[in-house]
Protein backbone atom coordinates (compact mmCIF):
# COMPACT_ATOMS: atom_id res chain seq x y z
CA MET A 1 11.06 -23.93 29.81
CA SER A 2 12.21 -27.38 28.58
CA LYS A 3 15.72 -27.87 27.20
CA ILE A 4 16.37 -27.78 23.48
CA ARG A 5 16.88 -31.38 22.37
CA ILE A 6 19.53 -32.22 19.75
CA LEU A 7 20.20 -35.45 17.82
CA TRP A 8 23.74 -35.78 16.41
CA ALA A 9 24.50 -38.62 13.97
CA ASP A 10 28.13 -39.24 12.91
CA ASP A 11 30.01 -42.51 12.36
CA GLU A 12 32.94 -40.89 14.23
CA ILE A 13 30.78 -39.63 17.08
CA ASP A 14 33.40 -40.61 19.71
CA MET A 15 35.71 -37.98 18.27
CA LEU A 16 33.04 -35.32 18.89
CA LYS A 17 32.74 -35.82 22.66
CA ALA A 18 34.27 -32.40 23.34
CA HIS A 19 31.59 -30.76 21.19
CA ILE A 20 28.80 -32.69 22.93
CA ILE A 21 30.15 -31.80 26.41
CA TYR A 22 30.36 -28.14 25.31
CA LEU A 23 26.70 -28.16 24.21
CA THR A 24 25.61 -29.95 27.40
CA GLU A 25 27.34 -27.30 29.50
CA LYS A 26 25.49 -24.65 27.47
CA GLY A 27 22.20 -26.22 28.57
CA TYR A 28 21.34 -28.37 25.54
CA ASP A 29 20.18 -32.00 25.73
CA VAL A 30 22.18 -34.06 23.17
CA ASP A 31 21.62 -37.63 21.94
CA ALA A 32 24.55 -39.04 19.92
CA VAL A 33 24.44 -41.99 17.47
CA ASN A 34 26.83 -43.63 14.98
CA SER A 35 24.57 -44.25 11.97
CA GLY A 36 21.66 -43.05 9.86
CA ASP A 37 19.51 -46.04 10.83
CA GLU A 38 19.92 -45.24 14.54
CA ALA A 39 19.11 -41.59 13.85
CA ILE A 40 15.85 -42.51 12.10
CA ASP A 41 14.85 -44.84 14.95
CA LEU A 42 15.41 -42.09 17.54
CA VAL A 43 13.58 -39.48 15.46
CA LYS A 44 10.55 -41.77 15.47
CA GLN A 45 10.76 -42.27 19.26
CA ASN A 46 11.61 -38.76 20.50
CA ASN A 47 10.82 -35.11 19.88
CA TYR A 48 13.93 -33.30 18.65
CA ASP A 49 14.31 -29.61 17.93
CA ILE A 50 17.23 -30.06 15.53
CA VAL A 51 19.39 -32.81 13.98
CA PHE A 52 23.10 -32.61 13.13
CA LEU A 53 23.83 -35.10 10.38
CA ASP A 54 27.16 -36.29 8.98
CA GLU A 55 26.95 -36.48 5.19
CA GLN A 56 29.53 -39.30 4.77
CA MET A 57 28.39 -42.25 6.89
CA PRO A 58 28.75 -45.93 5.91
CA GLY A 59 25.52 -47.76 5.22
CA LEU A 60 22.74 -45.20 5.04
CA SER A 61 24.36 -41.99 3.82
CA GLY A 62 23.65 -38.56 5.26
CA ILE A 63 21.61 -37.52 2.21
CA GLU A 64 19.52 -40.72 2.38
CA THR A 65 19.01 -40.27 6.14
CA LEU A 66 18.00 -36.66 5.54
CA GLU A 67 15.38 -37.68 2.97
CA ARG A 68 13.88 -40.29 5.31
CA ILE A 69 13.78 -37.88 8.26
CA LYS A 70 12.09 -35.24 6.11
CA ALA A 71 9.54 -37.82 4.96
CA ILE A 72 8.56 -38.34 8.61
CA TYR A 73 8.96 -34.76 9.93
CA PRO A 74 9.24 -32.30 7.02
CA ASN A 75 9.61 -29.28 9.32
CA LEU A 76 12.33 -30.70 11.58
CA ALA A 77 15.51 -28.60 11.28
CA VAL A 78 18.43 -30.64 9.93
CA VAL A 79 22.02 -29.34 9.71
CA MET A 80 24.26 -31.21 7.26
CA ILE A 81 27.94 -31.59 8.22
CA THR A 82 30.44 -32.80 5.60
CA LYS A 83 34.13 -32.98 4.73
CA SER A 84 33.33 -32.51 1.06
CA GLU A 85 32.85 -29.18 -0.66
CA GLU A 86 31.54 -30.74 -3.86
CA GLU A 87 28.82 -28.60 -5.40
CA SER A 88 26.60 -31.58 -6.24
CA ILE A 89 26.49 -32.69 -2.59
CA MET A 90 25.62 -29.18 -1.46
CA GLU A 91 22.85 -28.98 -4.06
CA ASP A 92 21.42 -32.36 -2.95
CA ALA A 93 21.38 -31.25 0.67
CA ILE A 94 19.95 -27.80 -0.02
CA GLY A 95 17.36 -29.31 -2.36
CA SER A 96 16.23 -31.53 0.52
CA ASN A 97 15.43 -28.44 2.57
CA ILE A 98 18.26 -28.41 5.10
CA ALA A 99 18.42 -25.74 7.78
CA ASP A 100 22.19 -25.21 7.54
CA TYR A 101 25.36 -26.60 5.89
CA LEU A 102 28.69 -26.87 7.77
CA ILE A 103 32.14 -28.00 6.55
CA LYS A 104 34.36 -30.19 8.75
CA PRO A 105 36.23 -29.66 10.94
CA VAL A 106 33.56 -27.70 12.80
CA LYS A 107 34.29 -25.61 15.88
CA PRO A 108 31.95 -25.60 18.89
CA SER A 109 31.27 -21.90 18.23
CA GLN A 110 30.03 -22.76 14.70
CA ILE A 111 27.62 -25.34 16.12
CA LEU A 112 26.36 -22.85 18.71
CA LEU A 113 25.88 -20.18 16.03
CA SER A 114 23.92 -22.63 13.88
CA LEU A 115 21.68 -23.50 16.84
CA LYS A 116 20.95 -19.86 17.59
CA ARG A 117 20.40 -19.07 13.91
CA ASN A 118 17.91 -21.89 13.45
CA LEU A 119 16.18 -22.20 16.82
CA GLU A 120 16.49 -18.84 18.52
CA ASN A 121 16.53 -16.50 15.56
CA LYS A 122 12.93 -15.31 15.98
CA LYS A 123 13.31 -14.93 19.72
CA LEU A 124 16.58 -12.98 19.43
CA ALA A 125 15.18 -10.81 16.64
CA GLY A 126 12.09 -10.09 18.73
CA GLU A 127 14.18 -9.18 21.78
CA LYS A 128 16.35 -6.91 19.63
CA ALA A 129 13.28 -5.26 18.07
CA SER A 130 11.72 -4.69 21.48
CA LEU A 131 14.94 -3.18 22.86
CA THR A 132 15.39 -0.96 19.78
CA TYR A 133 11.85 0.38 20.06
CA GLN A 134 12.24 1.06 23.79
CA GLN A 135 15.44 2.97 23.08
CA GLN A 136 13.80 5.03 20.33
CA PHE A 137 10.44 5.55 22.07
CA ARG A 138 11.26 8.87 23.74
CA GLU A 139 13.10 10.28 20.73
CA PHE A 140 10.22 9.27 18.46
CA GLY A 141 7.69 10.89 20.79
CA MET A 142 9.65 14.14 20.79
CA LYS A 143 9.84 14.09 17.01
CA LEU A 144 6.04 13.89 16.79
CA ASN A 145 5.78 17.30 18.44
CA ASP A 146 8.13 18.97 15.95
CA ARG A 147 6.86 21.03 13.04
CA LEU A 148 6.94 18.28 10.42
CA SER A 149 6.84 18.50 6.62
CA PRO A 150 4.82 16.06 4.45
CA GLU A 151 8.03 14.08 3.78
CA GLU A 152 8.84 13.93 7.50
CA TRP A 153 5.33 12.65 8.22
CA VAL A 154 5.96 9.94 5.62
CA ASP A 155 9.16 9.00 7.48
CA ILE A 156 7.19 8.89 10.75
CA TYR A 157 4.60 6.57 9.23
CA LYS A 158 7.24 4.32 7.66
CA GLN A 159 8.97 4.07 11.03
CA LEU A 160 5.71 3.09 12.74
CA ILE A 161 5.09 0.38 10.14
CA ARG A 162 8.63 -0.91 10.63
CA PHE A 163 8.20 -1.00 14.43
CA GLU A 164 4.87 -2.81 13.98
CA SER A 165 6.42 -5.38 11.66
CA ASP A 166 9.47 -5.95 13.88
CA LEU A 167 7.34 -6.44 16.99
CA GLU A 168 4.83 -8.70 15.26
CA THR A 169 6.37 -11.94 16.59
CA VAL A 170 7.21 -10.57 20.06
CA ASP A 171 5.21 -12.13 22.92
CA ASP A 172 5.40 -8.97 25.06
CA GLU A 173 1.88 -7.53 24.79
CA GLY A 174 2.92 -4.57 26.93
CA ILE A 175 5.39 -3.22 24.37
CA LYS A 176 2.80 -3.70 21.62
CA GLN A 177 0.27 -1.67 23.61
CA VAL A 178 2.83 1.11 24.02
CA LEU A 179 3.40 1.13 20.26
CA ASN A 180 -0.35 1.23 19.60
CA MET A 181 -0.70 4.20 21.96
CA GLN A 182 2.12 6.02 20.20
CA LYS A 183 0.58 5.21 16.84
CA ASP A 184 -2.75 6.65 18.04
CA GLU A 185 -0.93 9.80 19.18
CA ALA A 186 0.78 10.10 15.79
CA ASN A 187 -2.55 9.62 14.03
CA ALA A 188 -4.21 12.35 16.08
CA LEU A 189 -1.40 14.81 15.32
CA PHE A 190 -1.34 13.85 11.65
CA THR A 191 -5.07 14.40 11.18
CA LYS A 192 -4.72 17.92 12.64
CA TYR A 193 -1.77 18.56 10.34
CA TYR A 194 -3.71 17.35 7.30
CA GLU A 195 -6.78 19.42 8.20
CA ASN A 196 -4.71 22.57 8.76
CA ASN A 197 -2.89 22.25 5.43
CA TYR A 198 -5.27 20.48 3.04
CA TYR A 199 -6.91 23.65 1.68
CA ASP A 200 -3.53 25.27 0.93
CA TRP A 201 -2.29 22.07 -0.73
CA LEU A 202 -5.28 22.03 -3.08
CA TYR A 203 -4.58 25.59 -4.19
CA GLY A 204 -0.80 25.30 -4.35
CA LYS A 205 -0.35 27.82 -1.56
CA SER A 206 2.15 25.71 0.34
CA GLU A 207 5.71 25.06 -0.77
CA GLU A 208 5.58 21.83 1.24
CA ARG A 209 2.62 20.33 -0.63
CA PRO A 210 2.83 16.54 -0.93
CA THR A 211 1.86 14.68 -4.08
CA LEU A 212 -1.93 14.26 -3.93
CA SER A 213 -4.17 11.87 -5.88
CA GLN A 214 -4.81 14.25 -8.77
CA ASN A 215 -1.07 14.95 -9.17
CA LEU A 216 0.21 11.37 -8.93
CA ILE A 217 0.43 10.58 -12.66
CA LYS A 218 1.97 13.96 -13.51
CA GLU A 219 4.46 14.10 -10.65
CA LYS A 220 5.41 10.46 -10.01
CA ILE A 221 4.63 8.43 -13.13
CA PHE A 222 5.44 10.57 -16.18
CA PRO A 223 8.92 11.61 -14.91
CA SER A 224 9.84 7.98 -14.08
CA MET A 225 8.75 6.44 -17.39
CA SER A 226 11.38 5.31 -19.89
CA PRO A 227 10.66 6.11 -23.56
CA ASP A 228 12.29 2.85 -24.67
CA LYS A 229 10.35 0.65 -22.20
CA LYS A 230 6.75 -0.48 -21.93
CA THR A 231 5.00 0.74 -18.79
CA PHE A 232 2.75 -1.34 -16.54
CA PHE A 233 0.71 0.49 -13.91
CA ILE A 234 -0.83 -1.90 -11.37
CA LEU A 235 -3.35 -0.41 -8.96
CA ILE A 236 -4.36 -2.70 -6.10
CA ASP A 237 -7.51 -1.15 -4.66
CA ASN A 238 -7.26 -0.39 -0.92
CA LEU A 239 -3.61 -1.44 -0.56
CA ARG A 240 -2.11 -0.04 2.64
CA TYR A 241 1.60 0.67 2.96
CA ASP A 242 2.05 -2.08 5.58
CA GLN A 243 0.45 -4.55 3.17
CA TRP A 244 2.87 -3.48 0.44
CA LYS A 245 5.76 -4.18 2.85
CA ALA A 246 4.26 -7.64 3.49
CA ILE A 247 4.40 -8.61 -0.21
CA GLN A 248 7.57 -6.70 -1.09
CA PRO A 249 9.98 -9.62 -0.39
CA MET A 250 8.11 -11.81 -2.87
CA ILE A 251 8.19 -9.15 -5.57
CA GLU A 252 11.87 -8.37 -4.96
CA GLU A 253 12.76 -11.87 -6.08
CA TYR A 254 11.76 -10.72 -9.57
CA PHE A 255 12.06 -6.92 -9.64
CA ARG A 256 14.39 -4.28 -8.27
CA VAL A 257 12.64 -1.61 -6.20
CA ASP A 258 13.86 1.73 -7.55
CA ASN A 259 11.71 3.87 -5.29
CA ASP A 260 9.61 2.98 -2.24
CA ASP A 261 7.49 6.11 -1.86
CA ILE A 262 4.23 7.33 -0.34
CA TYR A 263 1.75 9.87 -1.66
CA TYR A 264 -1.31 11.45 -0.01
CA SER A 265 -4.88 10.57 -0.94
CA ILE A 266 -7.47 13.31 -1.27
CA LEU A 267 -10.72 13.27 0.72
CA PRO A 268 -12.90 11.28 0.67
CA THR A 269 -10.48 8.37 0.63
CA THR A 270 -12.83 6.19 -1.42
CA THR A 271 -12.62 4.76 -4.90
CA GLN A 272 -15.22 7.06 -6.46
CA TYR A 273 -13.30 10.18 -5.49
CA ALA A 274 -9.65 9.26 -5.00
CA ARG A 275 -9.29 6.86 -7.94
CA ASN A 276 -11.20 9.00 -10.42
CA SER A 277 -8.93 11.89 -9.40
CA LEU A 278 -5.85 9.75 -9.84
CA PHE A 279 -6.72 8.69 -13.39
CA SER A 280 -8.12 12.05 -14.50
CA GLY A 281 -5.54 14.32 -12.90
CA LEU A 282 -8.47 16.40 -11.61
CA MET A 283 -10.39 16.90 -8.38
CA PRO A 284 -13.92 15.41 -8.20
CA LEU A 285 -15.73 18.70 -8.77
CA GLU A 286 -13.50 19.43 -11.79
CA ILE A 287 -14.33 16.01 -13.29
CA ARG A 288 -18.02 16.64 -12.74
CA LYS A 289 -17.86 20.00 -14.53
CA LYS A 290 -15.40 19.14 -17.31
CA TYR A 291 -16.55 15.59 -18.06
CA PRO A 292 -20.18 15.27 -16.86
CA ASN A 293 -20.63 12.09 -18.94
CA PHE A 294 -17.80 10.44 -16.99
CA TRP A 295 -19.16 11.32 -13.53
CA THR A 296 -21.80 9.40 -11.59
CA GLU A 297 -23.34 10.94 -8.48
CA GLU A 298 -23.09 8.94 -5.30
CA HIS A 299 -26.85 8.42 -5.03
CA GLU A 300 -27.14 7.17 -8.63
CA GLU A 301 -27.18 3.51 -9.60
CA GLY A 302 -24.24 1.81 -11.31
CA SER A 303 -20.46 1.83 -11.08
CA LYS A 304 -18.86 5.08 -9.98
CA ASN A 305 -15.60 4.22 -11.76
CA GLN A 306 -16.62 2.99 -15.19
CA PHE A 307 -14.69 5.65 -17.14
CA GLU A 308 -11.21 5.35 -15.69
CA LYS A 309 -9.56 4.58 -19.02
CA GLU A 310 -11.32 7.52 -20.69
CA LEU A 311 -10.33 9.87 -17.87
CA PHE A 312 -6.73 8.71 -18.09
CA GLU A 313 -6.64 9.22 -21.86
CA GLU A 314 -7.97 12.76 -21.38
CA GLN A 315 -5.17 13.42 -18.90
CA LEU A 316 -2.64 12.12 -21.43
CA LYS A 317 -3.98 14.57 -24.03
CA ARG A 318 -3.70 17.51 -21.63
CA HIS A 319 -0.05 16.67 -21.01
CA GLY A 320 0.77 16.03 -24.66
CA GLN A 321 1.40 12.33 -24.16
CA HIS A 322 0.65 10.11 -27.15
CA LEU A 323 0.55 6.57 -25.87
CA LYS A 324 -1.25 3.38 -26.83
CA VAL A 325 -3.13 2.44 -23.66
CA SER A 326 -4.73 -0.76 -22.39
CA TYR A 327 -6.99 -0.98 -19.32
CA ASN A 328 -8.02 -4.12 -17.43
CA LYS A 329 -10.07 -4.25 -14.23
CA ILE A 330 -9.97 -7.55 -12.33
CA LEU A 331 -13.02 -8.17 -10.15
CA ASN A 332 -12.92 -11.96 -9.78
CA LEU A 333 -10.77 -15.08 -10.08
CA ASP A 334 -11.77 -15.93 -13.67
CA ALA A 335 -10.98 -12.44 -14.94
CA GLY A 336 -7.57 -12.60 -13.27
CA LYS A 337 -6.80 -15.98 -14.82
CA ARG A 338 -7.86 -14.77 -18.29
CA LEU A 339 -5.59 -11.76 -18.02
CA SER A 340 -2.71 -13.90 -16.76
CA ASP A 341 -3.15 -16.30 -19.71
CA ASN A 342 -3.12 -13.42 -22.20
CA ILE A 343 -0.67 -11.04 -20.54
CA SER A 344 1.83 -11.30 -23.40
CA ASN A 345 -0.68 -9.52 -25.67
CA LEU A 346 -0.28 -6.36 -23.58
CA MET A 347 3.34 -5.99 -24.60
CA ALA A 348 2.11 -4.28 -27.79
CA ASN A 349 0.90 -1.28 -25.74
CA ASP A 350 2.93 1.66 -24.43
CA PHE A 351 1.04 2.00 -21.14
CA ASN A 352 -0.90 -0.82 -19.48
CA ILE A 353 -3.25 -0.21 -16.56
CA ILE A 354 -4.29 -3.18 -14.41
CA VAL A 355 -6.73 -2.57 -11.54
CA TYR A 356 -7.06 -5.36 -8.96
CA ASN A 357 -9.98 -5.17 -6.54
CA PHE A 358 -9.20 -8.09 -4.21
CA VAL A 359 -7.96 -6.21 -1.13
CA ASP A 360 -11.00 -3.93 -1.18
CA MET A 361 -13.29 -6.97 -1.45
CA LEU A 362 -11.39 -8.59 1.43
CA SER A 363 -12.04 -5.51 3.55
CA HIS A 364 -15.78 -5.65 2.83
CA ALA A 365 -15.89 -9.42 3.33
CA ARG A 366 -14.22 -9.04 6.71
CA THR A 367 -17.06 -6.73 7.75
CA GLU A 368 -19.82 -9.00 6.49
CA MET A 369 -18.50 -12.54 7.03
CA GLU A 370 -17.75 -13.92 10.48
CA ILE A 371 -15.19 -16.44 9.20
CA ILE A 372 -13.13 -13.68 7.54
CA ARG A 373 -13.29 -11.66 10.76
CA GLU A 374 -11.79 -14.64 12.59
CA LEU A 375 -9.09 -15.15 9.95
CA ALA A 376 -8.15 -11.46 10.02
CA ASP A 377 -8.69 -10.75 13.70
CA ASP A 378 -6.05 -8.01 13.93
CA GLU A 379 -3.66 -5.95 11.81
CA ALA A 380 -1.01 -8.69 11.62
CA ALA A 381 -3.56 -11.34 10.61
CA TYR A 382 -5.06 -8.95 8.03
CA ARG A 383 -1.60 -8.49 6.47
CA SER A 384 -1.02 -12.24 6.57
CA LEU A 385 -4.30 -12.97 4.79
CA MET A 386 -3.48 -10.43 2.10
CA ARG A 387 0.04 -11.87 1.72
CA SER A 388 -1.36 -15.39 1.37
CA TRP A 389 -3.79 -14.24 -1.33
CA PHE A 390 -1.05 -12.47 -3.25
CA GLU A 391 1.31 -15.45 -3.17
CA HIS A 392 -1.28 -17.63 -4.93
CA SER A 393 -2.89 -14.95 -7.09
CA SER A 394 -2.97 -14.40 -10.83
CA LEU A 395 -1.50 -10.98 -10.10
CA PHE A 396 1.71 -12.57 -8.81
CA GLU A 397 1.83 -14.76 -11.90
CA ILE A 398 1.50 -11.63 -14.05
CA ILE A 399 4.32 -9.93 -12.15
CA LYS A 400 6.54 -13.00 -12.59
CA PHE A 401 5.91 -12.92 -16.34
CA LEU A 402 6.62 -9.19 -16.53
CA SER A 403 9.94 -9.72 -14.76
CA THR A 404 11.18 -11.53 -17.88
CA LYS A 405 10.59 -8.38 -19.96
CA ASP A 406 12.49 -5.11 -20.00
CA ILE A 407 9.67 -2.95 -18.62
CA LYS A 408 8.92 -0.22 -16.09
CA LEU A 409 6.47 -1.28 -13.40
CA PHE A 410 4.50 0.87 -10.96
CA ILE A 411 2.48 -0.55 -8.08
CA THR A 412 0.13 1.76 -6.21
CA THR A 413 -3.38 2.22 -4.86
CA ASP A 414 -6.09 4.84 -4.54
CA HIS A 415 -6.57 4.76 -0.75
CA GLY A 416 -5.95 2.64 2.33
CA SER A 417 -8.19 1.58 5.19
CA VAL A 418 -8.28 1.95 8.95
CA ARG A 419 -9.46 -0.38 11.69
CA VAL A 420 -12.34 1.50 13.31
CA GLN A 421 -12.93 1.44 17.06
CA ASP A 422 -15.07 4.32 18.33
CA ALA A 423 -18.52 5.38 17.13
CA ILE A 424 -19.57 9.02 16.65
CA LYS A 425 -23.27 9.83 16.71
CA ILE A 426 -24.60 11.66 13.67
CA VAL A 427 -28.13 12.61 12.61
CA GLY A 428 -29.25 12.93 9.01
CA ASP A 429 -32.19 12.48 6.70
CA LYS A 430 -32.78 9.58 4.31
CA ASN A 431 -30.72 11.24 1.58
CA VAL A 432 -27.45 11.10 3.54
CA ASN A 433 -24.84 8.76 2.03
CA THR A 434 -24.10 5.40 3.66
CA ASN A 435 -20.29 5.49 4.09
CA LEU A 436 -19.19 5.05 7.72
CA ARG A 437 -16.22 7.43 7.47
CA TYR A 438 -17.72 10.48 5.75
CA LYS A 439 -21.18 11.98 5.42
CA PHE A 440 -22.69 14.76 3.36
CA GLY A 441 -26.14 16.31 3.36
CA LYS A 442 -28.08 19.47 4.11
CA SER A 443 -29.26 18.77 7.66
CA LEU A 444 -26.55 16.82 9.46
CA GLY A 445 -26.41 16.81 13.23
CA TYR A 446 -23.06 16.12 14.94
CA LYS A 447 -20.52 17.53 17.40
CA GLU A 448 -18.16 19.82 15.50
CA LYS A 449 -15.12 18.92 17.60
CA GLU A 450 -15.47 15.22 16.68
CA VAL A 451 -15.18 15.67 12.89
CA PHE A 452 -13.28 17.39 10.09
CA GLU A 453 -15.96 19.68 8.73
CA MET A 454 -16.32 21.23 5.25
CA ASN A 455 -19.07 23.85 5.35
CA ASP A 456 -18.39 24.88 1.76
CA PRO A 457 -17.37 21.63 0.03
CA GLU A 458 -16.87 23.28 -3.37
CA LYS A 459 -13.89 25.15 -1.89
CA TYR A 460 -12.39 21.66 -1.49
CA PHE A 461 -13.48 20.68 -5.03
CA LEU A 462 -16.25 18.40 -3.78
CA PRO A 463 -19.77 18.48 -5.25
CA LYS A 464 -22.79 19.58 -3.26
CA GLN A 465 -26.38 18.65 -3.94
CA ASN A 466 -27.78 21.99 -2.81
CA ILE A 467 -26.64 25.28 -1.29
CA SER A 468 -26.67 24.00 2.31
CA THR A 469 -24.79 20.71 1.73
CA LYS A 470 -22.02 20.03 4.25
CA TRP A 471 -19.38 17.30 4.30
CA VAL A 472 -17.92 15.80 7.47
CA PHE A 473 -15.12 13.25 7.88
CA ALA A 474 -14.32 10.87 10.73
CA ARG A 475 -10.77 10.96 12.04
CA GLN A 476 -8.35 8.21 13.14
CA GLY A 477 -10.34 5.11 14.18
CA ASP A 478 -13.77 6.76 14.51
CA PHE A 479 -16.86 5.86 12.50
CA PHE A 480 -20.33 7.35 12.16
CA ALA A 481 -23.45 5.71 13.58
CA TYR A 482 -27.06 6.89 13.73
CA PRO A 483 -28.90 7.04 17.09
CA ASN A 484 -31.43 4.49 15.80
CA ASN A 485 -30.22 0.96 16.61
CA TYR A 486 -26.99 2.61 17.78
CA ASN A 487 -25.68 -0.24 19.94
CA TYR A 488 -26.33 -2.85 17.24
CA TYR A 489 -24.40 -0.95 14.57
CA VAL A 490 -21.57 -0.07 16.94
CA LYS A 491 -21.09 -3.74 17.79
CA TYR A 492 -21.42 -4.79 14.12
CA TYR A 493 -18.86 -2.33 12.72
CA LYS A 494 -16.36 -2.05 15.58
CA ASN A 495 -12.97 -3.57 14.63
CA THR A 496 -13.80 -3.63 10.91
CA PHE A 497 -11.59 -2.03 8.25
CA GLN A 498 -13.18 1.03 6.66
CA HIS A 499 -12.14 3.87 4.38
CA GLY A 500 -13.37 7.30 3.33
CA GLY A 501 -12.11 9.32 6.28
CA LEU A 502 -8.90 10.82 7.57
CA SER A 503 -6.13 8.70 9.07
CA MET A 504 -2.54 7.84 8.25
CA GLU A 505 -3.61 4.38 7.13
CA GLU A 506 -6.14 5.74 4.61
CA VAL A 507 -4.23 8.80 3.40
CA MET A 508 -0.54 7.82 3.24
CA ILE A 509 -0.40 5.16 0.57
CA PRO A 510 2.32 3.44 -1.50
CA ILE A 511 3.59 4.39 -4.94
CA ILE A 512 6.34 1.92 -5.82
CA THR A 513 8.62 2.15 -8.86
CA LEU A 514 10.24 -1.09 -10.04
CA SER A 515 12.56 -2.23 -12.82
CA SER A 516 13.28 -5.66 -14.25
CA LYS A 517 16.43 -7.20 -12.80
């Protein structure tokens, strides 16, 4: 590995020989000059990793030298060193995008710390993350085999996401593979846990029941609302918890996170079922029976979620809530811009629902478009693409505006998605639904051990078309494929992000409570 190369410009450079010798002995390659002009000439001739720059030099000042260096190499790290503690000088330097700011006289240890902070920070953080995970690996594995509650499973999932994030920049593929194996093990155990307890959760037979889709508004939103504040409820369709963590730092510049929580989606983990349940406070079969005009069967044409506002208002009535409600669904760029331009008008309402569909569309686009597959080749790239969208989105502009108001903000979703890997063969007639993660019909053929099976779907509050209708769900990273053209479909859908089935990524999803700073 080549030495780190440093340029140090100071009109009293001869007095800094001890510092330069110290850095040389530490393995750094240092070029020393007396003026800003010389520094600029050397920057043009050589490749430097970092520049130490005296602020008070005769001729071309440190600030002027900094500006010229940044004009040539905007990403070159520059550390400003000065005798002055004047605020205006600090502001000029910081405004010119310096990497660090040191006050004379500087000690060799301060210089070394600045080098490590600016050049080795990622490497050191990665090494620390790798060591921490290795130390916790065995303990974490043992914890997976304990009898865990819903809250403890949430902690497990949050820990996995944190490990994944910390190891994202580590070059050690071996440690990443170990984490992926442990994540697969956790997913397998979680799906069994969910299957064994789901029925009891639906009927309130378990004291350890988590908050499910149909209980979210009642259990998480109503108790956290403030009667003297307007409420904004932003639902980002298909937002996974790891994606929330990716955009959280941007949002925290404007809002304080009061509660970073996770709730459990019902099955199927798709918009038609999970989101209608969320807004109605009812399970799908209950919606179908109680509000037949607000329910669209899966085989019917048209939107399956066109009555979300009406279902929410019915839930408000059942709970004795009298609120003025607005509802906006954003399906494209123009709609988002229009809402952003008119967001102030929503301040007249008590409760404002905003549904953003971008992440779900990104998931579908990744399946269908080769260029999106390449841009989001793995989990980290998928998070990065989502983060990039959010940073430049109308949604972020809306959130910035709302931060100037004394409001309560909730950010959540209806379900997540999982990266599918392994195909499961299934046989069905032409009336079987098309989702890759769940199937229902009267004559399905499959291996029972490969699926989560519901022989009597109405017991799970799911509709059935006839008396012999069954529902089956794929687990973890599996997906369904028909024997016809099997190899083609396996190749086409492998490594795509899907939802509808049972996995931690689809089921354990964020519900975030925020307050204006």
